[in-house]
PDB file of N, CA and C in Angstrom:
ATOM      1  N   UNK A   1       6.358  30.803 -19.368  1.00  0.00           N
ATOM      2  CA  UNK A   1       6.800  30.881 -17.998  1.00  0.00           C
ATOM      3  C   UNK A   1       7.351  29.545 -17.524  1.00  0.00           C
ATOM      4  N   UNK A   2       6.754  28.456 -18.008  1.00  0.00           N
ATOM      5  CA  UNK A   2       7.229  27.136 -17.617  1.00  0.00           C
ATOM      6  C   UNK A   2       8.647  26.906 -18.117  1.00  0.00           C
ATOM      7  N   UNK A   3       8.975  27.456 -19.295  1.00  0.00           N
ATOM      8  CA  UNK A   3      10.320  27.270 -19.822  1.00  0.00           C
ATOM      9  C   UNK A   3      11.355  27.978 -18.951  1.00  0.00           C
ATOM     10  N   UNK A   4      10.982  29.117 -18.330  1.00  0.00           N
ATOM     11  CA  UNK A   4      11.899  29.802 -17.426  1.00  0.00           C
ATOM     12  C   UNK A   4      12.181  28.938 -16.201  1.00  0.00           C
ATOM     13  N   UNK A   5      11.156  28.314 -15.670  1.00  0.00           N
ATOM     14  CA  UNK A   5      11.351  27.460 -14.500  1.00  0.00           C
ATOM     15  C   UNK A   5      12.220  26.262 -14.859  1.00  0.00           C
ATOM     16  N   UNK A   6      11.983  25.681 -16.015  1.00  0.00           N
ATOM     17  CA  UNK A   6      12.780  24.535 -16.436  1.00  0.00           C
ATOM     18  C   UNK A   6      14.229  24.964 -16.624  1.00  0.00           C
ATOM     19  N   UNK A   7      14.434  26.105 -17.219  1.00  0.00           N
ATOM     20  CA  UNK A   7      15.781  26.604 -17.449  1.00  0.00           C
ATOM     21  C   UNK A   7      16.497  26.843 -16.123  1.00  0.00           C
ATOM     22  N   UNK A   8      15.803  27.455 -15.170  1.00  0.00           N
ATOM     23  CA  UNK A   8      16.397  27.702 -13.859  1.00  0.00           C
ATOM     24  C   UNK A   8      16.700  26.388 -13.159  1.00  0.00           C
ATOM     25  N   UNK A   9      15.797  25.426 -13.294  1.00  0.00           N
ATOM     26  CA  UNK A   9      16.025  24.126 -12.674  1.00  0.00           C
ATOM     27  C   UNK A   9      17.206  23.422 -13.318  1.00  0.00           C
ATOM     28  N   UNK A  10      17.304  23.527 -14.634  1.00  0.00           N
ATOM     29  CA  UNK A  10      18.439  22.930 -15.338  1.00  0.00           C
ATOM     30  C   UNK A  10      19.759  23.546 -14.861  1.00  0.00           C
ATOM     31  N   UNK A  11      19.767  24.865 -14.686  1.00  0.00           N
ATOM     32  CA  UNK A  11      20.974  25.542 -14.219  1.00  0.00           C
ATOM     33  C   UNK A  11      21.335  25.090 -12.804  1.00  0.00           C
ATOM     34  N   UNK A  12      20.341  24.959 -11.938  1.00  0.00           N
ATOM     35  CA  UNK A  12      20.591  24.486 -10.580  1.00  0.00           C
ATOM     36  C   UNK A  12      21.144  23.062 -10.589  1.00  0.00           C
ATOM     37  N   UNK A  13      20.578  22.214 -11.434  1.00  0.00           N
ATOM     38  CA  UNK A  13      21.030  20.829 -11.510  1.00  0.00           C
ATOM     39  C   UNK A  13      22.468  20.754 -12.017  1.00  0.00           C
ATOM     40  N   UNK A  14      22.790  21.544 -13.032  1.00  0.00           N
ATOM     41  CA  UNK A  14      24.152  21.546 -13.564  1.00  0.00           C
ATOM     42  C   UNK A  14      25.144  22.038 -12.517  1.00  0.00           C
ATOM     43  N   UNK A  15      24.767  23.064 -11.750  1.00  0.00           N
ATOM     44  CA  UNK A  15      25.638  23.572 -10.695  1.00  0.00           C
ATOM     45  C   UNK A  15      25.858  22.510  -9.617  1.00  0.00           C
ATOM     46  N   UNK A  16      24.791  21.793  -9.275  1.00  0.00           N
ATOM     47  CA  UNK A  16      24.911  20.727  -8.275  1.00  0.00           C
ATOM     48  C   UNK A  16      25.824  19.614  -8.784  1.00  0.00           C
ATOM     49  N   UNK A  17      25.704  19.262 -10.064  1.00  0.00           N
ATOM     50  CA  UNK A  17      26.565  18.233 -10.641  1.00  0.00           C
ATOM     51  C   UNK A  17      28.032  18.662 -10.608  1.00  0.00           C
ATOM     52  N   UNK A  18      28.304  19.926 -10.915  1.00  0.00           N
ATOM     53  CA  UNK A  18      29.685  20.429 -10.893  1.00  0.00           C
ATOM     54  C   UNK A  18      30.256  20.390  -9.478  1.00  0.00           C
ATOM     55  N   UNK A  19      29.467  20.832  -8.491  1.00  0.00           N
ATOM     56  CA  UNK A  19      29.930  20.803  -7.094  1.00  0.00           C
ATOM     57  C   UNK A  19      30.213  19.379  -6.641  1.00  0.00           C
ATOM     58  N   UNK A  20      29.343  18.450  -7.012  1.00  0.00           N
ATOM     59  CA  UNK A  20      29.523  17.056  -6.634  1.00  0.00           C
ATOM     60  C   UNK A  20      30.807  16.507  -7.242  1.00  0.00           C
ATOM     61  N   UNK A  21      31.053  16.814  -8.516  1.00  0.00           N
ATOM     62  CA  UNK A  21      32.254  16.351  -9.200  1.00  0.00           C
ATOM     63  C   UNK A  21      33.503  16.929  -8.539  1.00  0.00           C
ATOM     64  N   UNK A  22      33.469  18.214  -8.186  1.00  0.00           N
ATOM     65  CA  UNK A  22      34.614  18.853  -7.544  1.00  0.00           C
ATOM     66  C   UNK A  22      34.902  18.235  -6.180  1.00  0.00           C
ATOM     67  N   UNK A  23      33.860  17.937  -5.431  1.00  0.00           N
ATOM     68  CA  UNK A  23      34.037  17.437  -4.064  1.00  0.00           C
ATOM     69  C   UNK A  23      34.380  15.958  -3.999  1.00  0.00           C
ATOM     70  N   UNK A  24      33.824  15.174  -4.920  1.00  0.00           N
ATOM     71  CA  UNK A  24      34.004  13.729  -4.823  1.00  0.00           C
ATOM     72  C   UNK A  24      34.876  13.144  -5.916  1.00  0.00           C
ATOM     73  N   UNK A  25      35.027  13.871  -7.027  1.00  0.00           N
ATOM     74  CA  UNK A  25      35.765  13.337  -8.154  1.00  0.00           C
ATOM     75  C   UNK A  25      34.954  12.335  -8.966  1.00  0.00           C
ATOM     76  N   UNK A  26      33.657  12.241  -8.684  1.00  0.00           N
ATOM     77  CA  UNK A  26      32.787  11.314  -9.403  1.00  0.00           C
ATOM     78  C   UNK A  26      31.649  12.084 -10.055  1.00  0.00           C
ATOM     79  N   UNK A  27      31.198  11.564 -11.198  1.00  0.00           N
ATOM     80  CA  UNK A  27      30.057  12.173 -11.870  1.00  0.00           C
ATOM     81  C   UNK A  27      28.777  11.773 -11.165  1.00  0.00           C
ATOM     82  N   UNK A  28      27.875  12.699 -11.071  1.00  0.00           N
ATOM     83  CA  UNK A  28      26.588  12.443 -10.437  1.00  0.00           C
ATOM     84  C   UNK A  28      25.610  11.807 -11.409  1.00  0.00           C
ATOM     85  N   UNK A  29      25.798  12.079 -12.674  1.00  0.00           N
ATOM     86  CA  UNK A  29      24.870  11.572 -13.678  1.00  0.00           C
ATOM     87  C   UNK A  29      25.190  10.127 -14.018  1.00  0.00           C
ATOM     88  N   UNK A  30      24.172   9.282 -13.995  1.00  0.00           N
ATOM     89  CA  UNK A  30      24.323   7.875 -14.345  1.00  0.00           C
ATOM     90  C   UNK A  30      23.872   7.713 -15.787  1.00  0.00           C
ATOM     91  N   UNK A  31      24.713   7.069 -16.565  1.00  0.00           N
ATOM     92  CA  UNK A  31      24.360   6.884 -17.960  1.00  0.00           C
ATOM     93  C   UNK A  31      24.504   5.418 -18.316  1.00  0.00           C
ATOM     94  N   UNK A  32      23.531   4.747 -18.786  1.00  0.00           N
ATOM     95  CA  UNK A  32      22.149   5.187 -18.933  1.00  0.00           C
ATOM     96  C   UNK A  32      21.451   5.232 -17.578  1.00  0.00           C
ATOM     97  N   UNK A  33      20.373   5.993 -17.467  1.00  0.00           N
ATOM     98  CA  UNK A  33      19.664   6.089 -16.195  1.00  0.00           C
ATOM     99  C   UNK A  33      19.164   4.724 -15.728  1.00  0.00           C
ATOM    100  N   UNK A  34      19.087   4.548 -14.413  1.00  0.00           N
ATOM    101  CA  UNK A  34      18.630   3.276 -13.843  1.00  0.00           C
ATOM    102  C   UNK A  34      17.224   3.428 -13.291  1.00  0.00           C
ATOM    103  N   UNK A  35      16.507   2.333 -13.290  1.00  0.00           N
ATOM    104  CA  UNK A  35      15.184   2.316 -12.663  1.00  0.00           C
ATOM    105  C   UNK A  35      15.355   2.082 -11.171  1.00  0.00           C
ATOM    106  N   UNK A  36      14.293   2.308 -10.420  1.00  0.00           N
ATOM    107  CA  UNK A  36      14.348   2.059  -8.978  1.00  0.00           C
ATOM    108  C   UNK A  36      14.656   0.599  -8.689  1.00  0.00           C
ATOM    109  N   UNK A  37      14.103  -0.298  -9.482  1.00  0.00           N
ATOM    110  CA  UNK A  37      14.361  -1.722  -9.263  1.00  0.00           C
ATOM    111  C   UNK A  37      15.833  -2.062  -9.514  1.00  0.00           C
ATOM    112  N   UNK A  38      16.444  -1.443 -10.506  1.00  0.00           N
ATOM    113  CA  UNK A  38      17.866  -1.680 -10.766  1.00  0.00           C
ATOM    114  C   UNK A  38      18.725  -1.174  -9.617  1.00  0.00           C
ATOM    115  N   UNK A  39      18.391  -0.002  -9.092  1.00  0.00           N
ATOM    116  CA  UNK A  39      19.132   0.546  -7.955  1.00  0.00           C
ATOM    117  C   UNK A  39      18.950  -0.356  -6.740  1.00  0.00           C
ATOM    118  N   UNK A  40      17.727  -0.829  -6.522  1.00  0.00           N
ATOM    119  CA  UNK A  40      17.452  -1.734  -5.402  1.00  0.00           C
ATOM    120  C   UNK A  40      18.312  -3.003  -5.508  1.00  0.00           C
ATOM    121  N   UNK A  41      18.392  -3.576  -6.709  1.00  0.00           N
ATOM    122  CA  UNK A  41      19.211  -4.779  -6.900  1.00  0.00           C
ATOM    123  C   UNK A  41      20.685  -4.488  -6.633  1.00  0.00           C
ATOM    124  N   UNK A  42      21.158  -3.310  -7.073  1.00  0.00           N
ATOM    125  CA  UNK A  42      22.547  -2.937  -6.818  1.00  0.00           C
ATOM    126  C   UNK A  42      22.823  -2.838  -5.325  1.00  0.00           C
ATOM    127  N   UNK A  43      21.907  -2.228  -4.595  1.00  0.00           N
ATOM    128  CA  UNK A  43      22.092  -2.076  -3.150  1.00  0.00           C
ATOM    129  C   UNK A  43      22.053  -3.430  -2.461  1.00  0.00           C
ATOM    130  N   UNK A  44      21.110  -4.266  -2.852  1.00  0.00           N
ATOM    131  CA  UNK A  44      20.999  -5.580  -2.230  1.00  0.00           C
ATOM    132  C   UNK A  44      22.213  -6.457  -2.523  1.00  0.00           C
ATOM    133  N   UNK A  45      22.877  -6.219  -3.655  1.00  0.00           N
ATOM    134  CA  UNK A  45      24.007  -7.058  -4.033  1.00  0.00           C
ATOM    135  C   UNK A  45      25.329  -6.583  -3.437  1.00  0.00           C
ATOM    136  N   UNK A  46      25.302  -5.479  -2.683  1.00  0.00           N
ATOM    137  CA  UNK A  46      26.540  -5.025  -2.045  1.00  0.00           C
ATOM    138  C   UNK A  46      27.080  -6.141  -1.164  1.00  0.00           C
ATOM    139  N   UNK A  47      28.322  -6.473  -1.359  1.00  0.00           N
ATOM    140  CA  UNK A  47      28.893  -7.563  -0.567  1.00  0.00           C
ATOM    141  C   UNK A  47      29.373  -7.030   0.771  1.00  0.00           C
ATOM    142  N   UNK A  48      29.277  -7.867   1.759  1.00  0.00           N
ATOM    143  CA  UNK A  48      29.761  -7.529   3.090  1.00  0.00           C
ATOM    144  C   UNK A  48      31.224  -7.949   3.166  1.00  0.00           C
ATOM    145  N   UNK A  49      32.114  -7.006   2.893  1.00  0.00           N
ATOM    146  CA  UNK A  49      33.537  -7.310   2.917  1.00  0.00           C
ATOM    147  C   UNK A  49      34.114  -6.908   4.268  1.00  0.00           C
ATOM    148  N   UNK A  50      35.124  -7.599   4.677  1.00  0.00           N
ATOM    149  CA  UNK A  50      35.801  -7.264   5.921  1.00  0.00           C
ATOM    150  C   UNK A  50      35.228  -8.016   7.107  1.00  0.00           C
ATOM    151  N   UNK A  51      36.021  -8.081   8.145  1.00  0.00           N
ATOM    152  CA  UNK A  51      35.632  -8.812   9.339  1.00  0.00           C
ATOM    153  C   UNK A  51      35.201  -7.890  10.470  1.00  0.00           C
ATOM    154  N   UNK A  52      35.359  -6.607  10.279  1.00  0.00           N
ATOM    155  CA  UNK A  52      35.036  -5.682  11.359  1.00  0.00           C
ATOM    156  C   UNK A  52      33.530  -5.533  11.496  1.00  0.00           C
ATOM    157  N   UNK A  53      33.028  -5.784  12.672  1.00  0.00           N
ATOM    158  CA  UNK A  53      31.584  -5.706  12.886  1.00  0.00           C
ATOM    159  C   UNK A  53      31.080  -4.277  12.748  1.00  0.00           C
ATOM    160  N   UNK A  54      31.932  -3.295  13.043  1.00  0.00           N
ATOM    161  CA  UNK A  54      31.532  -1.897  12.905  1.00  0.00           C
ATOM    162  C   UNK A  54      31.235  -1.570  11.439  1.00  0.00           C
ATOM    163  N   UNK A  55      32.095  -2.051  10.532  1.00  0.00           N
ATOM    164  CA  UNK A  55      31.864  -1.834   9.101  1.00  0.00           C
ATOM    165  C   UNK A  55      30.600  -2.553   8.645  1.00  0.00           C
ATOM    166  N   UNK A  56      30.409  -3.781   9.125  1.00  0.00           N
ATOM    167  CA  UNK A  56      29.223  -4.546   8.756  1.00  0.00           C
ATOM    168  C   UNK A  56      27.954  -3.832   9.210  1.00  0.00           C
ATOM    169  N   UNK A  57      28.003  -3.266  10.417  1.00  0.00           N
ATOM    170  CA  UNK A  57      26.836  -2.540  10.948  1.00  0.00           C
ATOM    171  C   UNK A  57      26.557  -1.298  10.115  1.00  0.00           C
ATOM    172  N   UNK A  58      27.591  -0.586   9.704  1.00  0.00           N
ATOM    173  CA  UNK A  58      27.407   0.608   8.879  1.00  0.00           C
ATOM    174  C   UNK A  58      26.804   0.244   7.525  1.00  0.00           C
ATOM    175  N   UNK A  59      27.288  -0.843   6.933  1.00  0.00           N
ATOM    176  CA  UNK A  59      26.752  -1.270   5.641  1.00  0.00           C
ATOM    177  C   UNK A  59      25.298  -1.710   5.772  1.00  0.00           C
ATOM    178  N   UNK A  60      25.000  -2.404   6.851  1.00  0.00           N
ATOM    179  CA  UNK A  60      23.620  -2.854   7.070  1.00  0.00           C
ATOM    180  C   UNK A  60      22.696  -1.651   7.233  1.00  0.00           C
ATOM    181  N   UNK A  61      23.133  -0.654   8.007  1.00  0.00           N
ATOM    182  CA  UNK A  61      22.310   0.551   8.192  1.00  0.00           C
ATOM    183  C   UNK A  61      22.155   1.313   6.885  1.00  0.00           C
ATOM    184  N   UNK A  62      23.240   1.378   6.100  1.00  0.00           N
ATOM    185  CA  UNK A  62      23.150   2.037   4.792  1.00  0.00           C
ATOM    186  C   UNK A  62      22.115   1.342   3.921  1.00  0.00           C
ATOM    187  N   UNK A  63      22.206   0.021   3.854  1.00  0.00           N
ATOM    188  CA  UNK A  63      21.256  -0.730   3.031  1.00  0.00           C
ATOM    189  C   UNK A  63      19.829  -0.508   3.512  1.00  0.00           C
ATOM    190  N   UNK A  64      19.607  -0.575   4.814  1.00  0.00           N
ATOM    191  CA  UNK A  64      18.261  -0.385   5.361  1.00  0.00           C
ATOM    192  C   UNK A  64      17.723   1.006   5.028  1.00  0.00           C
ATOM    193  N   UNK A  65      18.555   2.018   5.226  1.00  0.00           N
ATOM    194  CA  UNK A  65      18.121   3.391   4.944  1.00  0.00           C
ATOM    195  C   UNK A  65      17.881   3.612   3.454  1.00  0.00           C
ATOM    196  N   UNK A  66      18.790   3.103   2.620  1.00  0.00           N
ATOM    197  CA  UNK A  66      18.643   3.280   1.178  1.00  0.00           C
ATOM    198  C   UNK A  66      17.389   2.575   0.671  1.00  0.00           C
ATOM    199  N   UNK A  67      17.134   1.373   1.181  1.00  0.00           N
ATOM    200  CA  UNK A  67      15.933   0.646   0.755  1.00  0.00           C
ATOM    201  C   UNK A  67      14.670   1.384   1.213  1.00  0.00           C
ATOM    202  N   UNK A  68      14.710   1.974   2.393  1.00  0.00           N
ATOM    203  CA  UNK A  68      13.570   2.759   2.870  1.00  0.00           C
ATOM    204  C   UNK A  68      13.294   3.953   1.975  1.00  0.00           C
ATOM    205  N   UNK A  69      14.352   4.647   1.577  1.00  0.00           N
ATOM    206  CA  UNK A  69      14.201   5.802   0.680  1.00  0.00           C
ATOM    207  C   UNK A  69      13.648   5.355  -0.661  1.00  0.00           C
ATOM    208  N   UNK A  70      14.165   4.255  -1.195  1.00  0.00           N
ATOM    209  CA  UNK A  70      13.668   3.761  -2.484  1.00  0.00           C
ATOM    210  C   UNK A  70      12.202   3.358  -2.398  1.00  0.00           C
ATOM    211  N   UNK A  71      11.815   2.742  -1.295  1.00  0.00           N
ATOM    212  CA  UNK A  71      10.399   2.379  -1.125  1.00  0.00           C
ATOM    213  C   UNK A  71       9.516   3.621  -1.087  1.00  0.00           C
ATOM    214  N   UNK A  72       9.986   4.668  -0.403  1.00  0.00           N
ATOM    215  CA  UNK A  72       9.222   5.923  -0.358  1.00  0.00           C
ATOM    216  C   UNK A  72       9.115   6.549  -1.747  1.00  0.00           C
ATOM    217  N   UNK A  73      10.214   6.544  -2.501  1.00  0.00           N
ATOM    218  CA  UNK A  73      10.184   7.098  -3.852  1.00  0.00           C
ATOM    219  C   UNK A  73       9.235   6.322  -4.753  1.00  0.00           C
ATOM    220  N   UNK A  74       9.243   5.004  -4.613  1.00  0.00           N
ATOM    221  CA  UNK A  74       8.352   4.179  -5.431  1.00  0.00           C
ATOM    222  C   UNK A  74       6.893   4.456  -5.078  1.00  0.00           C
ATOM    223  N   UNK A  75       6.621   4.579  -3.786  1.00  0.00           N
ATOM    224  CA  UNK A  75       5.263   4.884  -3.335  1.00  0.00           C
ATOM    225  C   UNK A  75       4.826   6.252  -3.834  1.00  0.00           C
ATOM    226  N   UNK A  76       5.713   7.231  -3.711  1.00  0.00           N
ATOM    227  CA  UNK A  76       5.402   8.584  -4.173  1.00  0.00           C
ATOM    228  C   UNK A  76       5.149   8.601  -5.673  1.00  0.00           C
ATOM    229  N   UNK A  77       5.950   7.855  -6.432  1.00  0.00           N
ATOM    230  CA  UNK A  77       5.745   7.779  -7.877  1.00  0.00           C
ATOM    231  C   UNK A  77       4.407   7.151  -8.217  1.00  0.00           C
ATOM    232  N   UNK A  78       4.015   6.120  -7.460  1.00  0.00           N
ATOM    233  CA  UNK A  78       2.723   5.480  -7.690  1.00  0.00           C
ATOM    234  C   UNK A  78       1.573   6.411  -7.383  1.00  0.00           C
ATOM    235  N   UNK A  79       1.703   7.161  -6.290  1.00  0.00           N
ATOM    236  CA  UNK A  79       0.652   8.111  -5.920  1.00  0.00           C
ATOM    237  C   UNK A  79       0.540   9.207  -6.972  1.00  0.00           C
ATOM    238  N   UNK A  80       1.681   9.707  -7.437  1.00  0.00           N
ATOM    239  CA  UNK A  80       1.665  10.759  -8.461  1.00  0.00           C
ATOM    240  C   UNK A  80       1.046  10.243  -9.756  1.00  0.00           C
ATOM    241  N   UNK A  81       1.395   9.023 -10.130  1.00  0.00           N
ATOM    242  CA  UNK A  81       0.828   8.449 -11.360  1.00  0.00           C
ATOM    243  C   UNK A  81      -0.677   8.252 -11.229  1.00  0.00           C
ATOM    244  N   UNK A  82      -1.106   7.803 -10.068  1.00  0.00           N
ATOM    245  CA  UNK A  82      -2.545   7.600  -9.851  1.00  0.00           C
ATOM    246  C   UNK A  82      -3.283   8.933  -9.875  1.00  0.00           C
ATOM    247  N   UNK A  83      -2.702   9.943  -9.240  1.00  0.00           N
ATOM    248  CA  UNK A  83      -3.318  11.265  -9.257  1.00  0.00           C
ATOM    249  C   UNK A  83      -3.388  11.839 -10.660  1.00  0.00           C
ATOM    250  N   UNK A  84      -2.327  11.657 -11.425  1.00  0.00           N
ATOM    251  CA  UNK A  84      -2.318  12.156 -12.799  1.00  0.00           C
ATOM    252  C   UNK A  84      -3.357  11.437 -13.648  1.00  0.00           C
ATOM    253  N   UNK A  85      -3.529  10.151 -13.411  1.00  0.00           N
ATOM    254  CA  UNK A  85      -4.517   9.422 -14.201  1.00  0.00           C
ATOM    255  C   UNK A  85      -5.935   9.851 -13.851  1.00  0.00           C
ATOM    256  N   UNK A  86      -6.137  10.276 -12.606  1.00  0.00           N
ATOM    257  CA  UNK A  86      -7.468  10.748 -12.210  1.00  0.00           C
ATOM    258  C   UNK A  86      -7.757  12.119 -12.813  1.00  0.00           C
ATOM    259  N   UNK A  87      -6.748  12.977 -12.853  1.00  0.00           N
ATOM    260  CA  UNK A  87      -6.924  14.326 -13.375  1.00  0.00           C
ATOM    261  C   UNK A  87      -6.990  14.313 -14.888  1.00  0.00           C
ATOM    262  N   UNK A  88      -6.154  13.523 -15.507  1.00  0.00           N
ATOM    263  CA  UNK A  88      -6.059  13.483 -16.965  1.00  0.00           C
ATOM    264  C   UNK A  88      -6.598  12.170 -17.504  1.00  0.00           C
ATOM    265  N   UNK A  89      -7.770  11.805 -17.070  1.00  0.00           N
ATOM    266  CA  UNK A  89      -8.326  10.537 -17.533  1.00  0.00           C
ATOM    267  C   UNK A  89      -8.651  10.625 -19.012  1.00  0.00           C
ATOM    268  N   UNK A  90      -8.557   9.507 -19.696  1.00  0.00           N
ATOM    269  CA  UNK A  90      -8.847   9.534 -21.131  1.00  0.00           C
ATOM    270  C   UNK A  90     -10.313   9.891 -21.378  1.00  0.00           C
ATOM    271  N   UNK A  91     -10.525  10.573 -22.456  1.00  0.00           N
ATOM    272  CA  UNK A  91     -11.887  10.951 -22.802  1.00  0.00           C
ATOM    273  C   UNK A  91     -12.662   9.725 -23.259  1.00  0.00           C
ATOM    274  N   UNK A  92     -13.842   9.604 -22.748  1.00  0.00           N
ATOM    275  CA  UNK A  92     -14.696   8.493 -23.173  1.00  0.00           C
ATOM    276  C   UNK A  92     -15.873   9.076 -23.940  1.00  0.00           C
ATOM    277  N   UNK A  93     -16.245   8.430 -24.997  1.00  0.00           N
ATOM    278  CA  UNK A  93     -17.383   8.944 -25.777  1.00  0.00           C
ATOM    279  C   UNK A  93     -18.677   8.857 -24.948  1.00  0.00           C
ATOM    280  N   UNK A  94     -19.461   9.858 -25.032  1.00  0.00           N
ATOM    281  CA  UNK A  94     -20.717   9.887 -24.323  1.00  0.00           C
ATOM    282  C   UNK A  94     -21.846   9.625 -25.315  1.00  0.00           C
ATOM    283  N   UNK A  95     -22.655   8.688 -24.953  1.00  0.00           N
ATOM    284  CA  UNK A  95     -23.792   8.344 -25.806  1.00  0.00           C
ATOM    285  C   UNK A  95     -25.011   9.067 -25.258  1.00  0.00           C
ATOM    286  N   UNK A  96     -25.601   9.866 -26.095  1.00  0.00           N
ATOM    287  CA  UNK A  96     -26.806  10.584 -25.666  1.00  0.00           C
ATOM    288  C   UNK A  96     -28.032   9.871 -26.226  1.00  0.00           C
ATOM    289  N   UNK A  97     -28.999   9.709 -25.363  1.00  0.00           N
ATOM    290  CA  UNK A  97     -30.243   9.037 -25.766  1.00  0.00           C
ATOM    291  C   UNK A  97     -31.207  10.015 -26.359  1.00  0.00           C
TER     292      UNK A  97
END
C-alpha cells in the first residue's frame, strides 16, 4: 500500500514539475540537490541591484520571508528527526541479574 502512495506522490510531483516548466520556462528540479544552508547562503548573497527603493524593499521582504520559511523548515526537520529518534531508538542490551 505504501508503494501506491509513493507512486501517486511521484505522479503528482512530476505533474507539478511539468506545469512549472510550462509556466516559467525553468526546471523546478535542482541538480544536485541543495541543503538548507546552501539555499540560505544563496539568498543572503543576492545583490541589491538598482537604485529604486521600491525594488530594494521588495528584495528585502523576499529575503526576510525566504529566511523565515527556511528557519521553519529547519526547525521542522529537527523536530521530525528528534521524534524519529525517540520512536526508533537503537536497541540497547539488557542485563538481567
